[in-house]
Protein backbone atom coordinates (compact mmCIF):
# COMPACT_ATOMS: atom_id res chain seq x y z
CA MET A 1 -40.36 9.98 -6.02
CA ARG A 2 -37.79 10.87 -8.68
CA ARG A 3 -39.56 14.20 -9.24
CA LEU A 4 -39.39 14.94 -5.49
CA SER A 5 -35.67 14.11 -5.36
CA LEU A 6 -34.98 16.49 -8.23
CA LEU A 7 -36.93 19.27 -6.52
CA VAL A 8 -35.00 18.78 -3.26
CA LEU A 9 -31.71 18.93 -5.16
CA ALA A 10 -32.84 22.02 -7.05
CA MET A 11 -33.85 23.75 -3.81
CA GLY A 12 -30.44 22.99 -2.30
CA SER A 13 -28.74 24.46 -5.36
CA LEU A 14 -30.83 27.64 -5.11
CA ILE A 15 -29.95 28.04 -1.44
CA ALA A 16 -26.24 27.53 -2.15
CA ALA A 17 -26.33 29.93 -5.10
CA SER A 18 -28.15 32.64 -3.18
CA GLY A 19 -25.71 32.68 -0.27
CA CYS A 20 -26.16 35.85 1.72
CA SER A 21 -27.30 37.96 -1.23
CA LEU A 22 -30.93 37.58 -0.17
CA PHE A 23 -30.25 39.63 2.94
CA GLY A 24 -29.31 42.66 0.82
CA HIS A 25 -31.65 44.54 -1.45
CA GLU A 26 -29.02 45.62 -3.93
CA SER A 27 -28.01 42.18 -5.31
CA PRO A 28 -29.83 40.36 -8.15
CA ASP A 29 -32.16 37.75 -6.67
CA PRO A 30 -31.50 34.20 -7.96
CA PHE A 31 -34.87 33.02 -6.60
CA LEU A 32 -36.81 35.42 -8.81
CA ALA A 33 -34.56 34.52 -11.73
CA GLU A 34 -35.56 30.89 -11.28
CA GLY A 35 -39.31 31.51 -11.49
CA PHE A 36 -40.06 32.82 -8.02
CA ARG A 37 -42.48 35.70 -7.61
CA PRO A 38 -43.06 38.00 -4.64
CA LEU A 39 -45.97 37.50 -2.26
CA PHE A 40 -45.36 40.96 -0.76
CA ASN A 41 -44.84 44.13 -2.80
CA GLY A 42 -42.75 45.87 -0.11
CA THR A 43 -45.18 48.80 0.07
CA ASP A 44 -48.59 47.71 1.38
CA LEU A 45 -50.65 44.61 2.21
CA THR A 46 -52.17 44.18 -1.23
CA GLY A 47 -52.83 40.45 -1.75
CA TRP A 48 -53.25 39.75 1.97
CA LYS A 49 -56.26 39.48 4.29
CA LEU A 50 -56.84 39.32 8.05
CA THR A 51 -58.74 36.68 9.97
CA GLY A 52 -60.35 39.45 12.05
CA GLN A 53 -60.18 43.10 13.06
CA ASP A 54 -56.62 43.90 14.10
CA LYS A 55 -54.51 47.07 13.83
CA SER A 56 -51.32 45.21 14.68
CA TRP A 57 -50.22 44.66 11.07
CA SER A 58 -48.47 47.32 8.98
CA VAL A 59 -45.67 47.84 6.50
CA GLU A 60 -42.46 49.50 7.71
CA ASP A 61 -39.19 49.96 5.82
CA GLY A 62 -40.14 47.37 3.20
CA ALA A 63 -41.19 44.71 5.72
CA ILE A 64 -44.50 43.36 7.02
CA VAL A 65 -44.54 44.13 10.73
CA CYS A 66 -46.76 42.73 13.46
CA ASN A 67 -46.72 45.07 16.47
CA PRO A 68 -49.48 43.67 18.71
CA GLN A 69 -52.02 46.22 19.90
CA GLY A 70 -53.95 43.96 22.27
CA GLY A 71 -57.45 42.66 21.75
CA SER A 72 -58.05 40.34 18.82
CA ALA A 73 -54.86 38.68 17.55
CA ALA A 74 -55.70 38.27 13.87
CA TYR A 75 -53.48 36.33 11.50
CA LEU A 76 -52.46 37.66 8.09
CA TYR A 77 -53.00 35.34 5.12
CA THR A 78 -52.65 35.34 1.35
CA GLU A 79 -55.70 35.90 -0.84
CA GLY A 80 -54.45 33.10 -3.07
CA GLN A 81 -54.19 29.42 -2.18
CA TYR A 82 -51.24 27.17 -2.97
CA SER A 83 -50.68 23.44 -3.19
CA ASP A 84 -47.16 22.42 -4.22
CA PHE A 85 -44.49 25.11 -3.99
CA ILE A 86 -41.19 26.41 -2.67
CA LEU A 87 -41.65 29.32 -0.26
CA GLN A 88 -38.88 31.65 0.88
CA VAL A 89 -39.35 34.13 3.74
CA GLU A 90 -37.12 36.14 6.07
CA TYR A 91 -38.13 37.14 9.59
CA LYS A 92 -36.77 38.67 12.76
CA VAL A 93 -37.97 39.04 16.34
CA LYS A 94 -37.06 41.61 18.99
CA ARG A 95 -36.69 39.48 22.10
CA GLU A 96 -35.70 36.04 23.31
CA GLY A 97 -38.91 34.02 23.35
CA GLY A 98 -40.52 36.18 20.67
CA ASN A 99 -43.09 33.88 19.05
CA SER A 100 -44.75 33.67 15.64
CA GLY A 101 -45.07 31.22 12.77
CA VAL A 102 -45.35 30.66 9.04
CA PHE A 103 -48.43 28.59 8.13
CA PHE A 104 -49.30 26.88 4.86
CA ARG A 105 -52.09 24.76 3.33
CA CYS A 106 -54.62 26.49 5.58
CA ASN A 107 -57.90 25.62 3.84
CA ASN A 108 -60.37 26.94 6.40
CA MET A 109 -59.51 30.26 7.98
CA LYS A 110 -62.50 29.99 10.34
CA SER A 111 -60.97 26.92 12.03
CA PHE A 112 -57.47 28.29 11.66
CA PRO A 113 -54.77 27.48 12.59
CA GLY A 114 -55.72 23.83 13.07
CA SER A 115 -56.35 23.34 9.35
CA GLY A 116 -52.75 23.94 8.24
CA PHE A 117 -49.10 23.31 9.05
CA GLU A 118 -46.84 25.72 10.93
CA VAL A 119 -43.10 26.25 10.76
CA GLN A 120 -42.37 27.74 14.16
CA ILE A 121 -40.75 31.14 14.69
CA LEU A 122 -39.13 31.64 18.09
CA GLY A 123 -36.41 33.87 19.50
CA ASP A 124 -34.31 31.02 20.90
CA TYR A 125 -30.72 31.80 19.90
CA ASP A 126 -29.45 30.87 23.37
CA SER A 127 -31.59 27.76 23.72
CA GLN A 128 -30.00 24.32 23.98
CA GLU A 129 -33.30 22.59 23.29
CA HIS A 130 -34.34 20.98 20.02
CA THR A 131 -38.04 20.29 20.41
CA TRP A 132 -41.18 20.53 18.28
CA HIS A 133 -41.79 24.09 19.53
CA ASN A 134 -38.31 25.53 18.86
CA ALA A 135 -37.50 27.74 15.88
CA GLY A 136 -37.71 25.80 12.63
CA ALA A 137 -39.87 23.01 14.02
CA LEU A 138 -42.91 21.80 12.12
CA TYR A 139 -44.98 22.75 15.14
CA GLY A 140 -46.11 19.82 17.23
CA THR A 141 -44.74 17.37 14.70
CA VAL A 142 -41.01 17.47 13.86
CA ALA A 143 -38.18 19.04 15.87
CA PRO A 144 -35.14 20.70 14.28
CA PRO A 145 -31.90 18.69 14.62
CA ALA A 146 -29.97 21.71 15.94
CA ASN A 147 -30.37 25.40 16.77
CA TYR A 148 -29.73 27.44 13.63
CA SER A 149 -31.36 30.68 14.84
CA ASN A 150 -29.55 33.97 14.43
CA PRO A 151 -29.34 36.35 17.40
CA VAL A 152 -32.42 38.40 18.29
CA GLY A 153 -32.70 41.42 16.01
CA GLU A 154 -31.04 39.70 13.04
CA TRP A 155 -32.87 38.32 10.01
CA ASN A 156 -33.45 34.59 9.62
CA ARG A 157 -34.46 32.83 6.41
CA TYR A 158 -36.76 29.85 5.85
CA THR A 159 -36.98 27.95 2.59
CA ILE A 160 -39.94 25.57 2.61
CA LEU A 161 -40.67 22.94 -0.05
CA VAL A 162 -44.16 21.46 -0.04
CA PHE A 163 -44.73 18.70 -2.59
CA ASP A 164 -47.61 16.25 -2.46
CA ARG A 165 -47.34 14.72 1.05
CA ASN A 166 -43.75 15.87 1.64
CA ILE A 167 -42.39 18.86 3.53
CA VAL A 168 -38.74 19.94 3.41
CA VAL A 169 -37.50 22.90 5.48
CA HIS A 170 -34.19 24.77 5.46
CA MET A 171 -33.25 27.49 7.97
CA ASN A 172 -30.45 29.92 7.24
CA GLY A 173 -29.10 27.52 4.62
CA ASN A 174 -29.25 24.43 6.86
CA LEU A 175 -31.51 21.43 6.20
CA LEU A 176 -33.81 20.91 9.17
CA TYR A 177 -35.89 17.95 7.98
CA HIS A 178 -37.51 16.14 5.10
CA MET A 179 -40.70 14.51 6.30
CA ASN A 180 -43.67 12.72 4.82
CA ILE A 181 -47.10 13.64 6.23
CA ASP A 182 -48.14 9.98 6.24
CA ASP A 183 -45.06 8.68 8.07
CA PRO A 184 -46.51 6.24 10.68
CA GLU A 185 -43.72 6.91 13.19
CA ILE A 186 -44.29 10.66 13.11
CA ASN A 187 -48.06 10.26 13.39
CA ALA A 188 -47.73 7.84 16.31
CA THR A 189 -45.52 10.37 18.13
CA VAL A 190 -47.91 13.27 17.52
CA LEU A 191 -50.87 11.18 18.73
CA LYS A 192 -49.24 11.10 22.18
CA LEU A 193 -49.47 14.90 22.43
CA SER A 194 -52.49 16.75 23.76
CA ARG A 195 -53.03 18.55 20.42
CA LYS A 196 -54.69 15.82 18.37
CA ASP A 197 -55.53 18.40 15.68
CA LEU A 198 -51.84 18.45 14.79
CA VAL A 199 -51.71 14.83 13.60
CA PRO A 200 -50.32 15.21 10.05
CA LYS A 201 -52.18 12.33 8.39
CA ASN A 202 -55.53 13.86 9.36
CA ARG A 203 -54.85 16.95 7.26
CA LYS A 204 -55.85 15.52 3.91
CA HIS A 205 -56.25 18.77 1.97
CA SER A 206 -53.47 19.71 -0.44
CA LEU A 207 -54.50 23.33 -1.12
CA GLY A 208 -54.61 26.32 1.19
CA HIS A 209 -53.51 29.81 2.16
CA ILE A 210 -50.10 30.88 3.46
CA SER A 211 -50.40 32.77 6.73
CA LEU A 212 -48.31 34.76 9.21
CA GLN A 213 -49.05 34.51 12.91
CA ASN A 214 -49.80 37.20 15.47
CA HIS A 215 -48.82 35.44 18.69
CA GLY A 216 -48.67 38.64 20.77
CA ASP A 217 -45.01 39.41 19.98
CA TRP A 218 -43.34 41.88 17.65
CA VAL A 219 -42.16 40.20 14.45
CA ALA A 220 -41.17 41.41 10.98
CA PHE A 221 -41.22 39.61 7.63
CA ARG A 222 -39.62 40.47 4.29
CA ASN A 223 -38.61 38.90 0.99
CA LEU A 224 -41.61 36.59 0.85
CA ARG A 225 -41.38 34.71 -2.45
CA ILE A 226 -43.01 31.64 -3.90
CA LYS A 227 -42.43 29.30 -6.80
CA GLU A 228 -45.43 27.12 -7.57
CA ILE A 229 -44.89 23.58 -8.85
CA LYS A 230 -47.45 22.96 -11.60
CA ARG A 231 -49.67 19.91 -11.27
CA GLU A 232 -48.68 18.66 -14.70
CA ASP A 233 -45.08 18.63 -13.46
CA ASN A 234 -45.96 16.30 -10.59
CA GLN A 235 -46.33 13.23 -12.77
């Protein structure tokens, strides 16, 4: 527990130190200086795979872009798998209601996306709702406390800490939630939904891919970075 508290504090310090510099490409990146490494090289999709045949994904102006072409809506996912980590990613959508998601701990891409967790992406700047399907929600599980989305067409930033059975999410520098997968209250709430596959406690695996969703809407991603937390550090 002490280790988790220190990680949460460290993540908050990184977010505060980075400020808005992450939105520019000319400033030194404090995340990389603190042991983060890029998941995307800014040029091509080396290190990524697709769940099926799909021409929707490309690289444009240093960003991964999903421009749906109809037919199969394949998801993009990392070749590597990750357990405990801090993930940072920026995204933007083109329209209100534009939908996508950032998935993690997806251990079976054939049964995807039910095998992992999703932090929801949604163009909902004008929304007054704070539900489990709004931007920043841990989809089907935890709702954001407020709407921290930037206007459509502007970049948003997620910072996601995954440690053991804990998930901590920040959006645009604001803490959204710190939840434990085994929390009985959360699990009881999710059990009331129609999507029983989303019940957190049933997802026992602690290792999996990171994935980006093609939900049929245009979405772009950039500055995808990860800092893995070594198992020997989890003691």
